Protein backbone atom coordinates (compact mmCIF):
# COMPACT_ATOMS: atom_id res chain seq x y z
CA MET A 1 4.74 53.65 -82.38
CA ILE A 2 6.96 54.83 -79.95
CA ARG A 3 5.87 58.42 -80.11
CA GLU A 4 2.37 57.31 -79.62
CA GLY A 5 3.45 55.03 -76.23
CA ARG A 6 2.63 51.60 -79.06
CA LEU A 7 5.89 49.92 -78.49
CA HIS A 8 7.33 49.83 -74.85
CA ARG A 9 10.30 47.12 -75.17
CA PRO A 10 13.78 46.94 -76.11
CA THR A 11 14.78 47.65 -79.46
CA SER A 12 16.71 44.86 -80.49
CA GLY A 13 15.56 43.26 -83.72
CA ILE A 14 13.47 46.44 -84.50
CA ALA A 15 13.88 47.71 -87.96
CA PRO A 16 16.63 45.22 -88.81
CA HIS A 17 19.34 47.24 -91.34
CA PHE A 18 18.78 50.46 -89.33
CA VAL A 19 21.18 52.44 -87.48
CA GLN A 20 20.08 52.50 -83.57
CA ALA A 21 21.60 54.88 -81.14
CA ASN A 22 21.96 55.57 -77.77
CA LEU A 23 21.35 58.88 -76.13
CA ALA A 24 23.27 61.36 -73.62
CA ILE A 25 21.76 64.64 -73.22
CA LEU A 26 23.64 67.48 -71.47
CA PRO A 27 23.05 71.60 -70.13
CA ARG A 28 25.08 73.28 -72.87
CA ASP A 29 28.10 74.73 -70.61
CA VAL A 30 29.21 70.74 -70.66
CA ALA A 31 28.55 70.02 -74.11
CA PHE A 32 31.90 70.39 -75.37
CA GLU A 33 33.80 68.88 -72.62
CA PHE A 34 31.40 65.71 -73.30
CA LEU A 35 32.17 65.81 -76.91
CA LEU A 36 36.01 65.92 -76.07
CA PHE A 37 35.13 63.19 -74.34
CA CYS A 38 33.47 61.04 -76.88
CA GLN A 39 36.54 61.54 -79.05
CA ARG A 40 38.94 60.29 -76.57
CA ASN A 41 36.95 57.28 -76.48
CA PRO A 42 35.34 56.18 -79.88
CA LYS A 43 34.82 52.66 -78.83
CA PRO A 44 32.17 53.17 -76.57
CA CYS A 45 30.73 56.63 -77.59
CA PRO A 46 31.38 57.05 -81.18
CA VAL A 47 29.36 60.25 -82.27
CA ILE A 48 26.57 59.71 -84.99
CA GLU A 49 25.04 63.54 -84.70
CA VAL A 50 24.78 66.13 -81.92
CA ILE A 51 22.00 68.19 -82.00
CA ASP A 52 22.27 72.02 -81.05
CA ALA A 53 21.14 73.15 -77.72
CA GLY A 54 17.32 73.54 -77.71
CA GLN A 55 16.59 71.63 -80.58
CA VAL A 56 14.44 68.15 -80.51
CA GLU A 57 14.79 66.97 -84.31
CA ALA A 58 18.08 64.65 -85.30
CA ALA A 59 17.91 66.37 -88.80
CA LEU A 60 21.00 64.67 -90.22
CA THR A 61 20.17 60.84 -89.38
CA ALA A 62 15.87 60.62 -89.00
CA PRO A 63 14.04 64.25 -90.17
CA GLY A 64 11.05 64.68 -88.64
CA SER A 65 12.15 63.21 -85.16
CA ASP A 66 11.41 64.66 -81.85
CA ILE A 67 14.37 63.21 -79.21
CA ARG A 68 11.98 63.85 -76.12
CA THR A 69 9.47 61.39 -77.57
CA ASP A 70 10.87 58.95 -79.60
CA LEU A 71 12.49 56.71 -77.26
CA SER A 72 10.61 54.04 -75.39
CA LEU A 73 12.46 54.98 -72.09
CA TYR A 74 14.77 57.41 -70.56
CA ARG A 75 16.87 57.96 -67.81
CA VAL A 76 17.27 61.13 -66.05
CA PHE A 77 20.44 61.47 -63.65
CA LYS A 78 20.72 64.77 -61.56
CA ASN A 79 24.05 65.06 -59.35
CA GLY A 80 24.90 61.48 -60.49
CA GLU A 81 21.72 59.93 -58.90
CA LEU A 82 18.94 58.39 -60.98
CA ALA A 83 16.08 60.65 -59.97
CA ASP A 84 13.49 59.31 -62.88
CA GLU A 85 12.73 57.00 -65.87
CA PRO A 86 9.95 58.48 -67.88
CA ASP A 87 8.32 57.47 -71.31
CA ASN A 88 9.08 61.22 -72.29
CA LEU A 89 11.34 63.97 -71.30
CA GLU A 90 8.51 66.54 -71.69
CA ALA A 91 8.54 67.38 -67.97
CA HIS A 92 12.27 67.53 -67.84
CA TRP A 93 12.75 69.06 -71.69
CA ARG A 94 14.96 72.83 -71.05
CA ASP A 95 16.34 75.22 -73.78
CA ASP A 96 19.88 74.69 -73.01
CA LEU A 97 20.27 70.96 -73.52
CA VAL A 98 22.65 69.37 -76.14
CA SER A 99 21.63 65.94 -77.32
CA PHE A 100 24.37 63.16 -78.61
CA LEU A 101 23.64 60.25 -80.59
CA LEU A 102 26.05 57.52 -80.05
CA GLY A 103 26.44 54.32 -82.25
CA CYS A 104 24.97 51.29 -80.85
CA SER A 105 25.61 47.80 -80.97
CA TYR A 106 22.22 46.82 -81.93
CA SER A 107 22.82 48.04 -85.34
CA PHE A 108 25.41 44.91 -86.15
CA GLU A 109 23.49 42.52 -84.46
CA TYR A 110 21.94 41.38 -88.17
CA ALA A 111 25.44 41.49 -89.59
CA LEU A 112 25.73 38.51 -86.88
CA ILE A 113 22.46 37.03 -87.53
CA ALA A 114 23.58 36.52 -91.53
CA ASN A 115 26.90 35.02 -90.80
CA GLY A 116 25.00 32.31 -89.20
CA ILE A 117 25.17 33.38 -85.62
CA ASP A 118 22.21 33.16 -82.98
CA LEU A 119 21.28 36.00 -80.66
CA PRO A 120 18.39 34.71 -78.55
CA HIS A 121 17.35 38.00 -77.05
CA TYR A 122 16.90 39.42 -80.91
CA GLY A 123 13.82 40.44 -81.98
CA THR A 124 12.21 39.51 -78.05
CA ASP A 125 11.19 41.97 -75.61
CA ARG A 126 14.59 40.99 -73.53
CA ASN A 127 17.95 42.48 -73.29
CA VAL A 128 21.64 42.03 -73.36
CA SER A 129 23.74 41.31 -70.47
CA MET A 130 25.95 44.70 -69.77
CA PHE A 131 28.63 44.74 -67.17
CA ILE A 132 30.68 47.98 -65.53
CA THR A 133 34.54 46.82 -66.37
CA ASN A 134 37.87 47.61 -64.85
CA ILE A 135 38.80 49.40 -68.23
CA GLU A 136 38.59 53.07 -67.30
CA THR A 137 38.10 55.59 -70.01
CA THR A 138 40.19 58.63 -71.06
CA PRO A 139 38.65 61.54 -69.08
CA ALA A 140 37.68 64.84 -70.41
CA GLY A 141 37.08 67.80 -68.03
CA PRO A 142 34.79 66.54 -65.55
CA PHE A 143 34.16 63.28 -67.61
CA SER A 144 35.38 60.06 -66.48
CA GLY A 145 34.48 56.77 -65.31
CA PRO A 146 34.44 52.61 -66.15
CA MET A 147 33.46 51.55 -69.68
CA VAL A 148 30.51 49.74 -69.93
CA VAL A 149 30.45 46.35 -72.06
CA SER A 150 27.36 44.33 -73.93
CA HIS A 151 28.03 40.62 -73.94
CA ARG A 152 26.80 37.93 -76.42
CA TRP A 153 27.74 33.91 -76.25
CA ILE A 154 29.45 33.40 -79.38
CA PRO A 155 30.16 29.62 -80.69
CA GLN A 156 34.01 28.67 -80.52
CA ASP A 157 33.80 28.18 -84.15
CA LYS A 158 32.36 31.36 -85.23
CA VAL A 159 34.09 34.02 -83.12
CA VAL A 160 36.84 35.27 -85.73
CA ARG A 161 33.39 35.45 -88.01
CA ALA A 162 31.79 37.71 -85.28
CA VAL A 163 34.66 39.78 -85.12
CA GLN A 164 35.13 40.26 -89.14
CA ALA A 165 31.41 40.72 -89.36
CA THR A 166 31.48 43.88 -86.47
CA SER A 167 34.75 45.29 -87.21
CA ARG A 168 32.94 46.70 -90.36
CA PHE A 169 31.10 49.02 -88.43
CA PRO A 170 33.19 50.78 -86.01
CA ASP A 171 30.48 53.85 -85.45
CA THR A 172 28.40 51.15 -83.90
CA HIS A 173 31.25 49.68 -81.75
CA GLY A 174 33.51 47.95 -84.01
CA ALA A 175 34.78 44.68 -82.87
CA PRO A 176 35.08 43.45 -79.60
CA ILE A 177 37.17 44.82 -77.04
CA HIS A 178 37.26 41.46 -75.07
CA ILE A 179 36.91 37.69 -75.98
CA GLY A 180 37.23 34.92 -73.48
CA ASN A 181 38.22 35.50 -69.56
CA PRO A 182 35.57 37.76 -67.85
CA GLU A 183 37.79 38.34 -64.65
CA ALA A 184 40.45 39.82 -66.82
CA ILE A 185 38.04 42.99 -67.67
CA GLY A 186 36.90 42.87 -63.69
CA ILE A 187 33.47 40.95 -64.07
CA ALA A 188 33.57 38.55 -61.43
CA ASP A 189 30.13 36.54 -61.93
CA ILE A 190 29.22 36.45 -65.89
CA SER A 191 25.94 35.20 -64.44
CA THR A 192 25.23 38.54 -62.64
CA PRO A 193 25.09 41.28 -65.05
CA ASP A 194 25.04 45.01 -63.89
CA LEU A 195 22.19 45.63 -66.49
CA GLY A 196 19.94 43.61 -69.06
CA GLU A 197 19.47 40.24 -68.23
CA ILE A 198 20.98 36.83 -67.41
CA TRP A 199 21.88 34.34 -70.45
CA GLU A 200 23.38 31.31 -70.44
CA PRO A 201 25.61 29.57 -73.13
CA ALA A 202 23.92 27.19 -75.53
CA SER A 203 26.77 25.03 -75.59
CA PRO A 204 29.81 24.10 -73.69
CA ASP A 205 31.52 25.44 -76.60
CA ASP A 206 29.98 29.03 -76.69
CA VAL A 207 32.80 31.80 -75.69
CA PRO A 208 31.93 35.02 -73.79
CA VAL A 209 32.86 38.13 -76.50
CA PHE A 210 32.36 41.59 -75.16
CA TRP A 211 31.74 44.87 -77.05
CA ALA A 212 32.22 48.23 -76.35
CA CYS A 213 28.69 49.77 -74.78
CA GLY A 214 27.02 53.32 -75.19
CA VAL A 215 25.40 52.67 -71.62
CA THR A 216 29.06 53.69 -70.69
CA PRO A 217 27.90 57.84 -70.38
CA GLN A 218 25.51 56.48 -67.58
CA THR A 219 28.24 55.16 -65.82
CA VAL A 220 30.08 58.40 -66.42
CA ALA A 221 27.06 60.28 -65.14
CA MET A 222 27.24 58.37 -61.56
CA GLU A 223 31.17 59.16 -61.67
CA SER A 224 31.25 62.42 -62.55
CA LYS A 225 27.78 63.52 -61.18
CA PRO A 226 26.95 66.81 -63.71
CA GLU A 227 24.08 68.68 -62.54
CA LEU A 228 21.54 66.93 -65.12
CA MET A 229 22.41 63.77 -67.60
CA ILE A 230 19.72 62.44 -69.60
CA THR A 231 20.15 59.21 -71.57
CA HIS A 232 18.33 56.05 -73.01
CA SER A 233 17.10 53.17 -70.45
CA PRO A 234 19.34 50.44 -71.55
CA GLY A 235 17.90 48.56 -74.60
CA HIS A 236 15.37 51.35 -75.42
CA MET A 237 17.28 53.11 -78.47
CA PHE A 238 16.76 55.83 -80.71
CA ILE A 239 16.23 54.50 -84.08
CA THR A 240 17.19 56.34 -87.15
CA ASP A 241 16.50 56.43 -91.00
CA LEU A 242 20.29 55.37 -91.66
CA ASN A 243 20.69 52.13 -93.19
CA ASP A 244 23.51 49.90 -91.34
CA GLU A 245 25.75 49.72 -94.40
CA ASP A 246 25.62 53.65 -94.46
CA LEU A 247 28.19 53.06 -91.60
CA ALA A 248 30.33 50.24 -92.49
CA VAL A 249 33.78 51.02 -93.84
CA LEU A 250 34.77 47.71 -95.47
């Protein structure tokens, strides 16, 4: 449906139990340094698959896929500036491009729901809140920049359960990186996300919980200014054939 242009919305709640992935595509001459960046920053950038230069099929995680068409919305950065937001990459594709699939927190959302934690955005056409923090990533070559986090309100009596449920999935960001006080990680106003949508707490007892986010490469693109970097548009993920439990560690 995505490939045919019939599904154009954030992918939270689509294909429950299946692993979703963030996307980063870079020219071959900087691909190794970006891979090193991911290895040094496994919380925001856990690598699920690397697709060889010029290839378009995620052969290990989604045989038969086409990375140029199988996300509903992309972002094209040129020298750190957002140049285009197309629904396919046919006009931007080059034979020297290496594609990285990075774990996504949408993959563990079903585990949260299965543990009795409500997620209002789940299965809707709305997006989670995302914030650029004051947490700096570990640089590699030309790549550096602040970490992005996704935010969800969690009832106070279920915070421990949320940590336990998501800790099982380190390849899709794993446990939260911060709980409570948003200002401690540089978020001045929890009601003004940098990306995504505003969500109000459902109860005074709800606690803000933050997970590392695979949108981080987009802040890295703006900070590091590579000649070209293509990513997913926030919330519009690549859906693999992997089952969530394939990546569980406990």
